[in-house]
PDB file of N, CA and C in Angstrom:
ATOM      1  N   MET A   1       0.181  23.883 -19.078  1.00  0.00           N
ATOM      2  CA  MET A   1      -1.308  23.831 -18.695  1.00  0.00           C
ATOM      3  C   MET A   1      -1.488  23.697 -17.305  1.00  0.00           C
ATOM      4  N   LYS A   2      -2.444  24.142 -16.627  1.00  0.00           N
ATOM      5  CA  LYS A   2      -2.804  23.919 -15.258  1.00  0.00           C
ATOM      6  C   LYS A   2      -3.891  23.071 -15.074  1.00  0.00           C
ATOM      7  N   PHE A   3      -3.518  22.035 -14.395  1.00  0.00           N
ATOM      8  CA  PHE A   3      -4.684  20.939 -14.094  1.00  0.00           C
ATOM      9  C   PHE A   3      -5.011  20.902 -12.676  1.00  0.00           C
ATOM     10  N   TYR A   4      -6.400  21.208 -12.613  1.00  0.00           N
ATOM     11  CA  TYR A   4      -6.963  21.402 -11.123  1.00  0.00           C
ATOM     12  C   TYR A   4      -7.852  20.007 -10.630  1.00  0.00           C
ATOM     13  N   ILE A   5      -7.155  19.171  -9.692  1.00  0.00           N
ATOM     14  CA  ILE A   5      -7.460  18.175  -9.328  1.00  0.00           C
ATOM     15  C   ILE A   5      -8.033  18.036  -7.785  1.00  0.00           C
ATOM     16  N   THR A   6      -9.302  17.258  -7.574  1.00  0.00           N
ATOM     17  CA  THR A   6      -9.623  17.321  -6.215  1.00  0.00           C
ATOM     18  C   THR A   6      -9.544  15.665  -5.773  1.00  0.00           C
ATOM     19  N   LEU A   7      -8.951  15.495  -4.462  1.00  0.00           N
ATOM     20  CA  LEU A   7      -9.085  14.073  -3.907  1.00  0.00           C
ATOM     21  C   LEU A   7     -10.121  13.962  -2.862  1.00  0.00           C
ATOM     22  N   PRO A   8     -11.373  13.764  -3.277  1.00  0.00           N
ATOM     23  CA  PRO A   8     -12.555  13.805  -2.333  1.00  0.00           C
ATOM     24  C   PRO A   8     -12.254  13.267  -1.060  1.00  0.00           C
ATOM     25  N   ASP A   9     -11.478  12.047  -1.128  1.00  0.00           N
ATOM     26  CA  ASP A   9     -11.311  11.200  -0.107  1.00  0.00           C
ATOM     27  C   ASP A   9      -9.891  10.517  -0.039  1.00  0.00           C
ATOM     28  N   PRO A  10      -8.888  11.796   0.375  1.00  0.00           N
ATOM     29  CA  PRO A  10      -7.629  11.495   0.297  1.00  0.00           C
ATOM     30  C   PRO A  10      -7.009  10.139   0.767  1.00  0.00           C
ATOM     31  N   GLU A  11      -7.401   9.590   1.719  1.00  0.00           N
ATOM     32  CA  GLU A  11      -7.015   8.175   2.166  1.00  0.00           C
ATOM     33  C   GLU A  11      -7.259   7.153   1.288  1.00  0.00           C
ATOM     34  N   ARG A  12      -8.300   7.342   0.341  1.00  0.00           N
ATOM     35  CA  ARG A  12      -8.564   6.186  -0.732  1.00  0.00           C
ATOM     36  C   ARG A  12      -7.822   6.425  -1.864  1.00  0.00           C
ATOM     37  N   ALA A  13      -7.180   7.729  -2.274  1.00  0.00           N
ATOM     38  CA  ALA A  13      -6.437   8.162  -3.404  1.00  0.00           C
ATOM     39  C   ALA A  13      -5.147   7.359  -3.549  1.00  0.00           C
ATOM     40  N   ARG A  14      -5.373   6.081  -3.846  1.00  0.00           N
ATOM     41  CA  ARG A  14      -4.205   5.166  -4.046  1.00  0.00           C
ATOM     42  C   ARG A  14      -4.264   4.227  -5.017  1.00  0.00           C
ATOM     43  N   GLY A  15      -2.986   4.140  -5.918  1.00  0.00           N
ATOM     44  CA  GLY A  15      -3.381   3.255  -7.241  1.00  0.00           C
ATOM     45  C   GLY A  15      -3.198   2.007  -6.943  1.00  0.00           C
ATOM     46  N   GLU A  16      -3.295   0.975  -7.756  1.00  0.00           N
ATOM     47  CA  GLU A  16      -3.020  -0.394  -7.906  1.00  0.00           C
ATOM     48  C   GLU A  16      -1.583  -0.970  -7.387  1.00  0.00           C
ATOM     49  N   LEU A  17      -0.558  -0.090  -8.059  1.00  0.00           N
ATOM     50  CA  LEU A  17       0.706  -0.503  -7.544  1.00  0.00           C
ATOM     51  C   LEU A  17       1.274   0.332  -6.403  1.00  0.00           C
ATOM     52  N   ALA A  18       1.699  -0.283  -5.368  1.00  0.00           N
ATOM     53  CA  ALA A  18       1.961   0.542  -4.054  1.00  0.00           C
ATOM     54  C   ALA A  18       3.258   1.318  -4.355  1.00  0.00           C
ATOM     55  N   ALA A  19       4.129   0.973  -5.308  1.00  0.00           N
ATOM     56  CA  ALA A  19       5.229   1.438  -5.353  1.00  0.00           C
ATOM     57  C   ALA A  19       5.150   2.785  -6.249  1.00  0.00           C
ATOM     58  N   LEU A  20       4.088   3.051  -6.716  1.00  0.00           N
ATOM     59  CA  LEU A  20       3.891   4.205  -7.771  1.00  0.00           C
ATOM     60  C   LEU A  20       2.646   4.835  -7.228  1.00  0.00           C
ATOM     61  N   SER A  21       2.105   4.527  -6.201  1.00  0.00           N
ATOM     62  CA  SER A  21       0.909   4.937  -5.739  1.00  0.00           C
ATOM     63  C   SER A  21       1.125   6.311  -4.746  1.00  0.00           C
ATOM     64  N   PHE A  22       0.148   7.013  -4.616  1.00  0.00           N
ATOM     65  CA  PHE A  22       0.274   8.018  -3.239  1.00  0.00           C
ATOM     66  C   PHE A  22       0.398   7.361  -2.090  1.00  0.00           C
ATOM     67  N   SER A  23       1.296   7.792  -1.161  1.00  0.00           N
ATOM     68  CA  SER A  23       1.506   7.169   0.176  1.00  0.00           C
ATOM     69  C   SER A  23       1.380   8.362   1.229  1.00  0.00           C
ATOM     70  N   ALA A  24       1.681   9.599   0.705  1.00  0.00           N
ATOM     71  CA  ALA A  24       1.644  10.674   1.799  1.00  0.00           C
ATOM     72  C   ALA A  24       0.363  10.865   2.142  1.00  0.00           C
ATOM     73  N   HIS A  25       0.438  11.779   3.280  1.00  0.00           N
ATOM     74  CA  HIS A  25      -0.839  12.205   3.885  1.00  0.00           C
ATOM     75  C   HIS A  25      -0.582  13.812   4.126  1.00  0.00           C
ATOM     76  N   GLY A  26      -1.778  14.425   3.714  1.00  0.00           N
ATOM     77  CA  GLY A  26      -1.517  15.793   3.950  1.00  0.00           C
ATOM     78  C   GLY A  26      -1.404  16.675   2.582  1.00  0.00           C
ATOM     79  N   ALA A  27      -1.972  17.806   2.286  1.00  0.00           N
ATOM     80  CA  ALA A  27      -2.047  18.371   1.006  1.00  0.00           C
ATOM     81  C   ALA A  27      -0.519  18.646   0.434  1.00  0.00           C
ATOM     82  N   GLU A  28       0.511  19.190   1.136  1.00  0.00           N
ATOM     83  CA  GLU A  28       1.612  19.507   0.661  1.00  0.00           C
ATOM     84  C   GLU A  28       2.602  18.125   0.415  1.00  0.00           C
ATOM     85  N   ALA A  29       2.358  17.319   1.094  1.00  0.00           N
ATOM     86  CA  ALA A  29       3.137  15.799   0.876  1.00  0.00           C
ATOM     87  C   ALA A  29       2.504  15.284  -0.304  1.00  0.00           C
ATOM     88  N   LEU A  30       1.157  15.331  -0.643  1.00  0.00           N
ATOM     89  CA  LEU A  30       0.687  14.854  -1.791  1.00  0.00           C
ATOM     90  C   LEU A  30       1.197  15.512  -2.908  1.00  0.00           C
ATOM     91  N   ALA A  31       1.158  17.017  -2.960  1.00  0.00           N
ATOM     92  CA  ALA A  31       1.416  17.799  -4.144  1.00  0.00           C
ATOM     93  C   ALA A  31       3.038  17.451  -4.459  1.00  0.00           C
ATOM     94  N   GLU A  32       3.953  17.074  -3.506  1.00  0.00           N
ATOM     95  CA  GLU A  32       5.093  16.796  -3.784  1.00  0.00           C
ATOM     96  C   GLU A  32       5.361  15.531  -4.578  1.00  0.00           C
ATOM     97  N   GLN A  33       4.563  14.430  -4.036  1.00  0.00           N
ATOM     98  CA  GLN A  33       4.457  13.266  -4.824  1.00  0.00           C
ATOM     99  C   GLN A  33       4.082  13.283  -6.124  1.00  0.00           C
ATOM    100  N   LEU A  34       2.972  14.174  -6.451  1.00  0.00           N
ATOM    101  CA  LEU A  34       2.643  14.544  -7.645  1.00  0.00           C
ATOM    102  C   LEU A  34       3.662  15.013  -8.695  1.00  0.00           C
ATOM    103  N   ARG A  35       4.422  16.002  -7.918  1.00  0.00           N
ATOM    104  CA  ARG A  35       5.352  16.839  -8.652  1.00  0.00           C
ATOM    105  C   ARG A  35       6.651  15.867  -9.019  1.00  0.00           C
ATOM    106  N   TYR A  36       6.949  14.909  -8.223  1.00  0.00           N
ATOM    107  CA  TYR A  36       7.927  13.912  -8.328  1.00  0.00           C
ATOM    108  C   TYR A  36       7.615  13.133  -9.774  1.00  0.00           C
ATOM    109  N   ALA A  37       6.153  12.659  -9.549  1.00  0.00           N
ATOM    110  CA  ALA A  37       5.863  11.777 -10.588  1.00  0.00           C
ATOM    111  C   ALA A  37       5.938  12.756 -12.229  1.00  0.00           C
ATOM    112  N   LEU A  38       5.595  14.005 -12.040  1.00  0.00           N
ATOM    113  CA  LEU A  38       5.767  14.615 -13.324  1.00  0.00           C
ATOM    114  C   LEU A  38       7.125  14.981 -13.840  1.00  0.00           C
ATOM    115  N   ALA A  39       7.863  15.317 -12.817  1.00  0.00           N
ATOM    116  CA  ALA A  39       9.253  16.016 -12.966  1.00  0.00           C
ATOM    117  C   ALA A  39      10.389  14.812 -13.107  1.00  0.00           C
ATOM    118  N   ASP A  40      10.339  13.632 -12.486  1.00  0.00           N
ATOM    119  CA  ASP A  40      11.500  12.843 -12.433  1.00  0.00           C
ATOM    120  C   ASP A  40      11.422  11.540 -13.323  1.00  0.00           C
ATOM    121  N   ARG A  41      12.356  11.486 -14.162  1.00  0.00           N
ATOM    122  CA  ARG A  41      12.147  10.229 -15.024  1.00  0.00           C
ATOM    123  C   ARG A  41      12.184   8.876 -14.168  1.00  0.00           C
ATOM    124  N   ALA A  42      12.777   8.941 -13.285  1.00  0.00           N
ATOM    125  CA  ALA A  42      12.647   7.580 -12.366  1.00  0.00           C
ATOM    126  C   ALA A  42      11.179   7.105 -12.000  1.00  0.00           C
ATOM    127  N   TYR A  43      10.322   7.928 -12.012  1.00  0.00           N
ATOM    128  CA  TYR A  43       8.903   7.531 -11.811  1.00  0.00           C
ATOM    129  C   TYR A  43       8.369   6.806 -12.936  1.00  0.00           C
ATOM    130  N   SER A  44       8.529   7.345 -14.304  1.00  0.00           N
ATOM    131  CA  SER A  44       7.950   6.773 -15.458  1.00  0.00           C
ATOM    132  C   SER A  44       8.747   5.554 -15.796  1.00  0.00           C
ATOM    133  N   GLN A  45       9.953   5.505 -15.569  1.00  0.00           N
ATOM    134  CA  GLN A  45      10.695   4.251 -15.773  1.00  0.00           C
ATOM    135  C   GLN A  45      10.395   3.046 -14.817  1.00  0.00           C
ATOM    136  N   ALA A  46      10.130   3.482 -13.652  1.00  0.00           N
ATOM    137  CA  ALA A  46       9.448   2.481 -12.639  1.00  0.00           C
ATOM    138  C   ALA A  46       8.482   2.024 -13.152  1.00  0.00           C
ATOM    139  N   TRP A  47       7.210   2.593 -13.570  1.00  0.00           N
ATOM    140  CA  TRP A  47       6.078   2.090 -14.324  1.00  0.00           C
ATOM    141  C   TRP A  47       6.493   1.322 -15.387  1.00  0.00           C
ATOM    142  N   LEU A  48       7.392   1.765 -16.249  1.00  0.00           N
ATOM    143  CA  LEU A  48       7.801   0.969 -17.618  1.00  0.00           C
ATOM    144  C   LEU A  48       8.284  -0.440 -16.901  1.00  0.00           C
ATOM    145  N   ALA A  49       8.996  -0.579 -15.918  1.00  0.00           N
ATOM    146  CA  ALA A  49       9.609  -1.687 -15.511  1.00  0.00           C
ATOM    147  C   ALA A  49       8.605  -2.585 -15.128  1.00  0.00           C
ATOM    148  N   THR A  50       7.388  -2.259 -14.678  1.00  0.00           N
ATOM    149  CA  THR A  50       6.366  -3.146 -14.290  1.00  0.00           C
ATOM    150  C   THR A  50       5.745  -3.875 -15.288  1.00  0.00           C
ATOM    151  N   LEU A  51       5.912  -3.520 -16.595  1.00  0.00           N
ATOM    152  CA  LEU A  51       5.301  -4.131 -17.630  1.00  0.00           C
ATOM    153  C   LEU A  51       6.053  -5.316 -18.260  1.00  0.00           C
ATOM    154  N   ASP A  52       5.486  -6.309 -18.957  1.00  0.00           N
ATOM    155  CA  ASP A  52       6.141  -7.316 -19.626  1.00  0.00           C
ATOM    156  C   ASP A  52       6.869  -6.736 -20.888  1.00  0.00           C
ATOM    157  N   GLU A  53       7.879  -7.335 -21.515  1.00  0.00           N
ATOM    158  CA  GLU A  53       8.634  -6.744 -22.375  1.00  0.00           C
ATOM    159  C   GLU A  53       8.075  -6.369 -23.637  1.00  0.00           C
ATOM    160  N   ASP A  54       6.968  -7.039 -24.193  1.00  0.00           N
ATOM    161  CA  ASP A  54       6.116  -6.972 -25.350  1.00  0.00           C
ATOM    162  C   ASP A  54       5.248  -5.653 -25.006  1.00  0.00           C
ATOM    163  N   ALA A  55       4.784  -5.509 -23.754  1.00  0.00           N
ATOM    164  CA  ALA A  55       3.885  -4.531 -23.561  1.00  0.00           C
ATOM    165  C   ALA A  55       4.800  -2.983 -23.336  1.00  0.00           C
ATOM    166  N   ALA A  56       6.033  -3.133 -22.946  1.00  0.00           N
ATOM    167  CA  ALA A  56       6.912  -1.977 -22.927  1.00  0.00           C
ATOM    168  C   ALA A  56       7.281  -1.634 -24.182  1.00  0.00           C
ATOM    169  N   GLU A  57       7.452  -2.389 -25.006  1.00  0.00           N
ATOM    170  CA  GLU A  57       8.063  -2.008 -26.503  1.00  0.00           C
ATOM    171  C   GLU A  57       6.792  -1.103 -27.200  1.00  0.00           C
ATOM    172  N   HIS A  58       5.477  -1.374 -26.772  1.00  0.00           N
ATOM    173  CA  HIS A  58       4.363  -0.609 -27.335  1.00  0.00           C
ATOM    174  C   HIS A  58       3.785   0.617 -26.719  1.00  0.00           C
ATOM    175  N   VAL A  59       4.444   1.070 -25.921  1.00  0.00           N
ATOM    176  CA  VAL A  59       4.239   2.259 -24.753  1.00  0.00           C
ATOM    177  C   VAL A  59       4.173   3.570 -25.604  1.00  0.00           C
ATOM    178  N   ASP A  60       3.385   4.204 -25.629  1.00  0.00           N
ATOM    179  CA  ASP A  60       3.145   5.565 -26.410  1.00  0.00           C
ATOM    180  C   ASP A  60       4.467   6.358 -25.596  1.00  0.00           C
ATOM    181  N   PRO A  61       5.393   6.863 -26.452  1.00  0.00           N
ATOM    182  CA  PRO A  61       6.494   7.788 -25.586  1.00  0.00           C
ATOM    183  C   PRO A  61       5.953   8.900 -25.066  1.00  0.00           C
ATOM    184  N   ALA A  62       4.910   9.500 -25.043  1.00  0.00           N
ATOM    185  CA  ALA A  62       4.465  10.782 -24.516  1.00  0.00           C
ATOM    186  C   ALA A  62       3.899  10.120 -23.141  1.00  0.00           C
ATOM    187  N   LEU A  63       3.774   9.027 -22.794  1.00  0.00           N
ATOM    188  CA  LEU A  63       3.419   8.624 -21.413  1.00  0.00           C
ATOM    189  C   LEU A  63       4.700   8.647 -20.638  1.00  0.00           C
ATOM    190  N   LEU A  64       5.728   8.531 -21.173  1.00  0.00           N
ATOM    191  CA  LEU A  64       6.958   8.544 -20.401  1.00  0.00           C
ATOM    192  C   LEU A  64       7.482  10.181 -20.131  1.00  0.00           C
ATOM    193  N   ALA A  65       6.802  11.064 -20.894  1.00  0.00           N
ATOM    194  CA  ALA A  65       7.247  12.449 -21.009  1.00  0.00           C
ATOM    195  C   ALA A  65       7.512  12.869 -19.396  1.00  0.00           C
ATOM    196  N   VAL A  66       8.434  13.779 -19.144  1.00  0.00           N
ATOM    197  CA  VAL A  66       8.672  14.238 -17.875  1.00  0.00           C
ATOM    198  C   VAL A  66       8.944  15.900 -18.076  1.00  0.00           C
ATOM    199  N   ASP A  67       8.558  16.671 -17.119  1.00  0.00           N
ATOM    200  CA  ASP A  67       8.793  18.000 -17.085  1.00  0.00           C
ATOM    201  C   ASP A  67       9.418  18.663 -15.754  1.00  0.00           C
ATOM    202  N   ALA A  68      10.658  18.777 -15.990  1.00  0.00           N
ATOM    203  CA  ALA A  68      11.368  18.979 -14.873  1.00  0.00           C
ATOM    204  C   ALA A  68      11.064  20.172 -13.955  1.00  0.00           C
ATOM    205  N   ALA A  69      10.511  21.251 -14.944  1.00  0.00           N
ATOM    206  CA  ALA A  69       9.915  22.363 -14.521  1.00  0.00           C
ATOM    207  C   ALA A  69       8.621  22.415 -13.864  1.00  0.00           C
ATOM    208  N   ALA A  70       7.814  21.276 -13.705  1.00  0.00           N
ATOM    209  CA  ALA A  70       6.475  21.048 -13.369  1.00  0.00           C
ATOM    210  C   ALA A  70       6.390  21.472 -11.895  1.00  0.00           C
ATOM    211  N   THR A  71       5.148  22.203 -11.432  1.00  0.00           N
ATOM    212  CA  THR A  71       5.064  22.631 -10.080  1.00  0.00           C
ATOM    213  C   THR A  71       3.776  22.303  -9.757  1.00  0.00           C
ATOM    214  N   VAL A  72       3.547  21.724  -8.373  1.00  0.00           N
ATOM    215  CA  VAL A  72       2.287  21.474  -7.878  1.00  0.00           C
ATOM    216  C   VAL A  72       2.126  21.991  -6.450  1.00  0.00           C
ATOM    217  N   SER A  73       0.812  22.607  -6.216  1.00  0.00           N
ATOM    218  CA  SER A  73       0.442  23.212  -4.923  1.00  0.00           C
ATOM    219  C   SER A  73      -0.558  22.197  -4.595  1.00  0.00           C
ATOM    220  N   GLY A  74      -0.991  22.162  -3.033  1.00  0.00           N
ATOM    221  CA  GLY A  74      -2.045  21.474  -2.286  1.00  0.00           C
ATOM    222  C   GLY A  74      -2.494  22.285  -1.544  1.00  0.00           C
ATOM    223  N   ALA A  75      -4.012  22.117  -1.235  1.00  0.00           N
ATOM    224  CA  ALA A  75      -4.642  22.755  -0.111  1.00  0.00           C
ATOM    225  C   ALA A  75      -5.687  21.680   0.447  1.00  0.00           C
ATOM    226  N   GLN A  76      -5.780  21.868   1.762  1.00  0.00           N
ATOM    227  CA  GLN A  76      -6.939  21.135   2.464  1.00  0.00           C
ATOM    228  C   GLN A  76      -8.218  21.853   2.232  1.00  0.00           C
ATOM    229  N   LYS A  77      -9.226  21.317   1.781  1.00  0.00           N
ATOM    230  CA  LYS A  77     -10.638  21.925   1.615  1.00  0.00           C
ATOM    231  C   LYS A  77     -11.536  21.214   2.163  1.00  0.00           C
ATOM    232  N   ASP A  78     -12.067  21.428   3.408  1.00  0.00           N
ATOM    233  CA  ASP A  78     -12.894  20.480   4.241  1.00  0.00           C
ATOM    234  C   ASP A  78     -12.164  19.082   4.324  1.00  0.00           C
ATOM    235  N   LEU A  79     -12.784  17.996   4.038  1.00  0.00           N
ATOM    236  CA  LEU A  79     -12.129  16.874   3.841  1.00  0.00           C
ATOM    237  C   LEU A  79     -11.237  16.537   2.788  1.00  0.00           C
ATOM    238  N   ALA A  80     -11.514  17.380   1.789  1.00  0.00           N
ATOM    239  CA  ALA A  80     -10.966  17.129   0.641  1.00  0.00           C
ATOM    240  C   ALA A  80      -9.622  17.566   0.360  1.00  0.00           C
ATOM    241  N   ILE A  81      -8.769  17.278  -0.869  1.00  0.00           N
ATOM    242  CA  ILE A  81      -7.446  17.994  -1.039  1.00  0.00           C
ATOM    243  C   ILE A  81      -7.576  18.326  -2.456  1.00  0.00           C
ATOM    244  N   GLU A  82      -7.109  19.811  -2.572  1.00  0.00           N
ATOM    245  CA  GLU A  82      -7.413  20.157  -3.992  1.00  0.00           C
ATOM    246  C   GLU A  82      -5.755  20.639  -4.520  1.00  0.00           C
ATOM    247  N   LEU A  83      -5.483  19.740  -5.442  1.00  0.00           N
ATOM    248  CA  LEU A  83      -4.080  20.002  -6.078  1.00  0.00           C
ATOM    249  C   LEU A  83      -4.129  20.805  -7.279  1.00  0.00           C
ATOM    250  N   VAL A  84      -3.025  21.746  -7.611  1.00  0.00           N
ATOM    251  CA  VAL A  84      -3.146  22.285  -8.869  1.00  0.00           C
ATOM    252  C   VAL A  84      -1.626  22.193  -9.432  1.00  0.00           C
ATOM    253  N   ALA A  85      -1.516  21.437 -10.579  1.00  0.00           N
ATOM    254  CA  ALA A  85      -0.440  21.109 -11.237  1.00  0.00           C
ATOM    255  C   ALA A  85      -0.159  21.878 -12.542  1.00  0.00           C
ATOM    256  N   ASP A  86       0.835  22.609 -12.842  1.00  0.00           N
ATOM    257  CA  ASP A  86       1.334  23.534 -13.878  1.00  0.00           C
ATOM    258  C   ASP A  86       2.314  22.637 -14.464  1.00  0.00           C
ATOM    259  N   THR A  87       2.162  22.146 -15.686  1.00  0.00           N
ATOM    260  CA  THR A  87       3.165  21.301 -16.226  1.00  0.00           C
ATOM    261  C   THR A  87       2.792  21.332 -17.933  1.00  0.00           C
ATOM    262  N   ARG A  88       4.075  21.247 -18.495  1.00  0.00           N
ATOM    263  CA  ARG A  88       3.877  20.936 -20.073  1.00  0.00           C
ATOM    264  C   ARG A  88       3.594  19.542 -20.588  1.00  0.00           C
ATOM    265  N   ILE A  89       3.403  18.553 -19.493  1.00  0.00           N
ATOM    266  CA  ILE A  89       2.815  17.213 -20.101  1.00  0.00           C
ATOM    267  C   ILE A  89       1.275  17.437 -20.416  1.00  0.00           C
ATOM    268  N   ASN A  90       1.303  16.418 -21.654  1.00  0.00           N
ATOM    269  CA  ASN A  90      -0.252  16.542 -22.148  1.00  0.00           C
ATOM    270  C   ASN A  90      -0.990  15.981 -21.422  1.00  0.00           C
ATOM    271  N   GLY A  91      -2.353  16.166 -21.756  1.00  0.00           N
ATOM    272  CA  GLY A  91      -3.398  15.513 -20.917  1.00  0.00           C
ATOM    273  C   GLY A  91      -3.723  14.275 -20.537  1.00  0.00           C
ATOM    274  N   SER A  92      -3.376  13.273 -21.742  1.00  0.00           N
ATOM    275  CA  SER A  92      -3.255  11.960 -21.401  1.00  0.00           C
ATOM    276  C   SER A  92      -2.151  11.367 -20.756  1.00  0.00           C
ATOM    277  N   ALA A  93      -1.030  12.105 -20.804  1.00  0.00           N
ATOM    278  CA  ALA A  93       0.094  11.462 -19.785  1.00  0.00           C
ATOM    279  C   ALA A  93      -0.283  11.859 -18.479  1.00  0.00           C
ATOM    280  N   PHE A  94      -0.678  13.099 -18.178  1.00  0.00           N
ATOM    281  CA  PHE A  94      -1.195  13.614 -16.829  1.00  0.00           C
ATOM    282  C   PHE A  94      -2.217  12.498 -16.283  1.00  0.00           C
ATOM    283  N   LYS A  95      -3.055  12.319 -16.873  1.00  0.00           N
ATOM    284  CA  LYS A  95      -4.189  11.528 -16.255  1.00  0.00           C
ATOM    285  C   LYS A  95      -3.643  10.029 -16.095  1.00  0.00           C
ATOM    286  N   HIS A  96      -2.830   9.512 -16.767  1.00  0.00           N
ATOM    287  CA  HIS A  96      -2.130   8.363 -16.684  1.00  0.00           C
ATOM    288  C   HIS A  96      -1.533   8.377 -15.465  1.00  0.00           C
ATOM    289  N   ARG A  97      -0.543   9.316 -15.330  1.00  0.00           N
ATOM    290  CA  ARG A  97       0.299   9.362 -13.843  1.00  0.00           C
ATOM    291  C   ARG A  97      -0.837   9.536 -12.818  1.00  0.00           C
ATOM    292  N   MET A  98      -1.916  10.329 -12.952  1.00  0.00           N
ATOM    293  CA  MET A  98      -3.063  10.329 -11.816  1.00  0.00           C
ATOM    294  C   MET A  98      -3.580   8.886 -11.536  1.00  0.00           C
ATOM    295  N   ARG A  99      -3.895   8.197 -12.516  1.00  0.00           N
ATOM    296  CA  ARG A  99      -4.399   6.712 -12.187  1.00  0.00           C
ATOM    297  C   ARG A  99      -3.460   5.944 -11.642  1.00  0.00           C
ATOM    298  N   LEU A 100      -1.985   6.071 -11.955  1.00  0.00           N
ATOM    299  CA  LEU A 100      -0.897   5.478 -11.056  1.00  0.00           C
ATOM    300  C   LEU A 100      -1.066   5.817  -9.585  1.00  0.00           C
ATOM    301  N   LEU A 101      -1.082   6.957  -9.511  1.00  0.00           N
ATOM    302  CA  LEU A 101      -1.094   7.594  -8.168  1.00  0.00           C
ATOM    303  C   LEU A 101      -2.234   7.417  -7.232  1.00  0.00           C
ATOM    304  N   ALA A 102      -3.261   7.527  -7.697  1.00  0.00           N
ATOM    305  CA  ALA A 102      -4.686   7.804  -6.869  1.00  0.00           C
ATOM    306  C   ALA A 102      -5.775   6.823  -7.413  1.00  0.00           C
ATOM    307  N   GLY A 103      -5.485   5.875  -8.525  1.00  0.00           N
ATOM    308  CA  GLY A 103      -6.418   5.084  -9.025  1.00  0.00           C
ATOM    309  C   GLY A 103      -7.495   5.948  -9.647  1.00  0.00           C
ATOM    310  N   ALA A 104      -8.755   5.512  -9.223  1.00  0.00           N
ATOM    311  CA  ALA A 104     -10.078   6.136  -9.526  1.00  0.00           C
ATOM    312  C   ALA A 104     -10.502   7.006  -8.636  1.00  0.00           C
ATOM    313  N   HIS A 105      -9.779   7.367  -7.706  1.00  0.00           N
ATOM    314  CA  HIS A 105     -10.246   8.151  -6.332  1.00  0.00           C
ATOM    315  C   HIS A 105      -9.780   9.832  -6.631  1.00  0.00           C
ATOM    316  N   TRP A 106      -9.873  10.177  -7.728  1.00  0.00           N
ATOM    317  CA  TRP A 106      -9.578  11.657  -7.958  1.00  0.00           C
ATOM    318  C   TRP A 106     -10.508  12.310  -8.820  1.00  0.00           C
ATOM    319  N   GLN A 107     -10.290  13.680  -9.125  1.00  0.00           N
ATOM    320  CA  GLN A 107     -11.317  14.149 -10.016  1.00  0.00           C
ATOM    321  C   GLN A 107     -10.594  15.543 -10.632  1.00  0.00           C
ATOM    322  N   LEU A 108     -10.525  15.279 -12.022  1.00  0.00           N
ATOM    323  CA  LEU A 108     -10.368  16.665 -12.739  1.00  0.00           C
ATOM    324  C   LEU A 108     -11.295  17.676 -12.883  1.00  0.00           C
ATOM    325  N   ARG A 109     -11.253  18.794 -12.237  1.00  0.00           N
ATOM    326  CA  ARG A 109     -12.047  19.760 -12.143  1.00  0.00           C
ATOM    327  C   ARG A 109     -12.146  20.844 -13.315  1.00  0.00           C
ATOM    328  N   ASP A 110     -10.787  21.158 -13.797  1.00  0.00           N
ATOM    329  CA  ASP A 110     -10.505  22.062 -14.892  1.00  0.00           C
ATOM    330  C   ASP A 110      -9.063  21.722 -15.353  1.00  0.00           C
ATOM    331  N   VAL A 111      -8.910  22.420 -16.545  1.00  0.00           N
ATOM    332  CA  VAL A 111      -7.485  22.386 -17.262  1.00  0.00           C
ATOM    333  C   VAL A 111      -7.735  23.934 -18.062  1.00  0.00           C
ATOM    334  N   ARG A 112      -6.717  24.376 -17.633  1.00  0.00           N
ATOM    335  CA  ARG A 112      -6.452  25.936 -18.439  1.00  0.00           C
ATOM    336  C   ARG A 112      -5.068  26.076 -18.800  1.00  0.00           C
TER     337      ARG A 112
END
C-alpha cells in the first residue's frame, strides 16, 4: 500500500516520546526517519519497551510488524512536507507509527 502523508507544520510534527519522535528537519531526513520506523524492528521494540509489563503483554502483534522493503520519499511543498510511504504494514500499524513520530500533527491524504 502507498500512504500519502502531509506534515502541514513540520516543526510541530513531534510525538510525545522524544526517543520515538521525528527529530529531523527537511523532507528527505523526515522520510528516512519514517522509513526506519517502518523497516527496523528496533523502532517497534523501543516503543514496546516504554510500556509497562501488563500493557506490553496485550499489544496487538500487528503493531510490531516491520517491512524491511518499505520505501519513503519526501518533498517540500510550500511550508508543508509531503511523504509517500510504500509498505506492506497495515493501516492501523502505519497510523500508530505516525502518531508516535508526529503526534497529531500529520494528515493522511490518500491510501492506494
